[in-house]
Amino acid sequence: MLATKVGLVDTTGTVDTQTMAAVAAALNVQVTRDLPKYWPVSASVSYLTDHKTIPQGVWPVQLVKTLPPRRRRLPYDAS
């Protein structure tokens, strides 16, 4: 099973790099420890310093200042 790679990205420029790295590390611990207990998947989370350059194969999770109107409700359904 291939591991999913998730990249945490700050597009706002308002969160310092130490905080972003600490959050990504904490999320990575939870994802690697807890996710496989409940679902047959494996993943890792890392902090990406440049929101303009996302490595191929990495799923970005972006921190943004505001969401577009259609995405302000959860869950988001594009259909």
C-alpha atoms as a PDB file:
ATOM      1  CA  MET A   1       0.000   0.000   0.000  1.00  0.00           C
ATOM      2  CA  LEU A   2       1.417   3.370  -1.009  1.00  0.00           C
ATOM      3  CA  ALA A   3       1.391   6.077   1.617  1.00  0.00           C
ATOM      4  CA  THR A   4      -0.493   9.272   0.893  1.00  0.00           C
ATOM      5  CA  LYS A   5       1.668  12.354   1.288  1.00  0.00           C
ATOM      6  CA  VAL A   6      -0.090  15.413   2.687  1.00  0.00           C
ATOM      7  CA  GLY A   7       1.559  18.824   2.681  1.00  0.00           C
ATOM      8  CA  LEU A   8       0.461  21.585   5.044  1.00  0.00           C
ATOM      9  CA  VAL A   9       0.811  24.997   3.365  1.00  0.00           C
ATOM     10  CA  ASP A  10       0.266  28.531   4.681  1.00  0.00           C
ATOM     11  CA  THR A  11      -0.987  30.715   1.836  1.00  0.00           C
ATOM     12  CA  THR A  12      -1.717  33.631   4.189  1.00  0.00           C
ATOM     13  CA  GLY A  13       1.864  34.377   5.173  1.00  0.00           C
ATOM     14  CA  THR A  14       0.682  35.091   8.720  1.00  0.00           C
ATOM     15  CA  VAL A  15       1.791  31.922  10.511  1.00  0.00           C
ATOM     16  CA  ASP A  16       5.450  31.618  11.440  1.00  0.00           C
ATOM     17  CA  THR A  17       7.411  28.652  10.117  1.00  0.00           C
ATOM     18  CA  GLN A  18       8.087  27.173  13.563  1.00  0.00           C
ATOM     19  CA  THR A  19       4.357  26.990  14.299  1.00  0.00           C
ATOM     20  CA  MET A  20       3.589  25.470  10.908  1.00  0.00           C
ATOM     21  CA  ALA A  21       6.331  22.878  11.334  1.00  0.00           C
ATOM     22  CA  ALA A  22       5.093  22.010  14.841  1.00  0.00           C
ATOM     23  CA  VAL A  23       1.494  21.636  13.645  1.00  0.00           C
ATOM     24  CA  ALA A  24       2.562  19.455  10.714  1.00  0.00           C
ATOM     25  CA  ALA A  25       4.638  17.284  13.063  1.00  0.00           C
ATOM     26  CA  ALA A  26       1.730  16.878  15.494  1.00  0.00           C
ATOM     27  CA  LEU A  27      -0.648  15.994  12.653  1.00  0.00           C
ATOM     28  CA  ASN A  28       1.896  13.524  11.319  1.00  0.00           C
ATOM     29  CA  VAL A  29       2.041  11.735  14.673  1.00  0.00           C
ATOM     30  CA  GLN A  30      -1.736  11.423  14.746  1.00  0.00           C
ATOM     31  CA  VAL A  31      -1.994  10.324  11.129  1.00  0.00           C
ATOM     32  CA  THR A  32       0.755   7.711  11.316  1.00  0.00           C
ATOM     33  CA  ARG A  33      -0.335   6.380  14.709  1.00  0.00           C
ATOM     34  CA  ASP A  34      -4.142   6.541  14.580  1.00  0.00           C
ATOM     35  CA  LEU A  35      -5.286   6.437  10.958  1.00  0.00           C
ATOM     36  CA  PRO A  36      -4.245   2.823  10.247  1.00  0.00           C
ATOM     37  CA  LYS A  37      -6.192   1.657  13.318  1.00  0.00           C
ATOM     38  CA  TYR A  38      -9.484   2.575  11.668  1.00  0.00           C
ATOM     39  CA  TRP A  39      -8.874   2.630   7.912  1.00  0.00           C
ATOM     40  CA  PRO A  40      -6.636   0.547   5.623  1.00  0.00           C
ATOM     41  CA  VAL A  41      -4.506   3.531   4.619  1.00  0.00           C
ATOM     42  CA  SER A  42      -1.179   5.046   5.509  1.00  0.00           C
ATOM     43  CA  ALA A  43      -0.172   8.665   5.203  1.00  0.00           C
ATOM     44  CA  SER A  44       2.335  11.257   6.303  1.00  0.00           C
ATOM     45  CA  VAL A  45       2.018  14.991   6.889  1.00  0.00           C
ATOM     46  CA  SER A  46       4.781  17.511   6.305  1.00  0.00           C
ATOM     47  CA  TYR A  47       5.111  21.276   6.194  1.00  0.00           C
ATOM     48  CA  LEU A  48       5.661  22.804   2.763  1.00  0.00           C
ATOM     49  CA  THR A  49       7.371  26.185   2.930  1.00  0.00           C
ATOM     50  CA  ASP A  50       6.421  27.368  -0.572  1.00  0.00           C
ATOM     51  CA  HIS A  51       2.738  27.309  -1.499  1.00  0.00           C
ATOM     52  CA  LYS A  52       3.633  27.925  -5.145  1.00  0.00           C
ATOM     53  CA  THR A  53       5.694  24.758  -5.449  1.00  0.00           C
ATOM     54  CA  ILE A  54       3.812  21.617  -4.418  1.00  0.00           C
ATOM     55  CA  PRO A  55       5.808  18.441  -5.099  1.00  0.00           C
ATOM     56  CA  GLN A  56       4.207  15.924  -7.417  1.00  0.00           C
ATOM     57  CA  GLY A  57       2.172  13.341  -5.528  1.00  0.00           C
ATOM     58  CA  VAL A  58       1.605  15.534  -2.463  1.00  0.00           C
ATOM     59  CA  TRP A  59      -1.956  16.442  -1.472  1.00  0.00           C
ATOM     60  CA  PRO A  60      -1.875  20.066  -0.278  1.00  0.00           C
ATOM     61  CA  VAL A  61      -3.892  21.237   2.712  1.00  0.00           C
ATOM     62  CA  GLN A  62      -3.880  25.002   2.446  1.00  0.00           C
ATOM     63  CA  LEU A  63      -4.451  27.542   5.188  1.00  0.00           C
ATOM     64  CA  VAL A  64      -6.326  30.429   3.586  1.00  0.00           C
ATOM     65  CA  LYS A  65      -7.675  33.770   4.817  1.00  0.00           C
ATOM     66  CA  THR A  66     -11.161  33.247   3.373  1.00  0.00           C
ATOM     67  CA  LEU A  67     -13.006  30.558   1.484  1.00  0.00           C
ATOM     68  CA  PRO A  68     -14.890  31.119  -1.755  1.00  0.00           C
ATOM     69  CA  PRO A  69     -18.672  31.341  -1.085  1.00  0.00           C
ATOM     70  CA  ARG A  70     -19.448  27.866  -2.439  1.00  0.00           C
ATOM     71  CA  ARG A  71     -16.883  26.255  -0.135  1.00  0.00           C
ATOM     72  CA  ARG A  72     -18.016  27.879   3.109  1.00  0.00           C
ATOM     73  CA  ARG A  73     -20.318  25.011   3.979  1.00  0.00           C
ATOM     74  CA  LEU A  74     -19.302  21.540   5.012  1.00  0.00           C
ATOM     75  CA  PRO A  75     -19.254  19.004   3.601  1.00  0.00           C
ATOM     76  CA  TYR A  76     -18.320  20.438   0.215  1.00  0.00           C
ATOM     77  CA  ASP A  77     -19.977  18.723  -2.697  1.00  0.00           C
ATOM     78  CA  ALA A  78     -18.804  19.803  -6.159  1.00  0.00           C
ATOM     79  CA  SER A  79     -21.631  18.020  -7.963  1.00  0.00           C
END
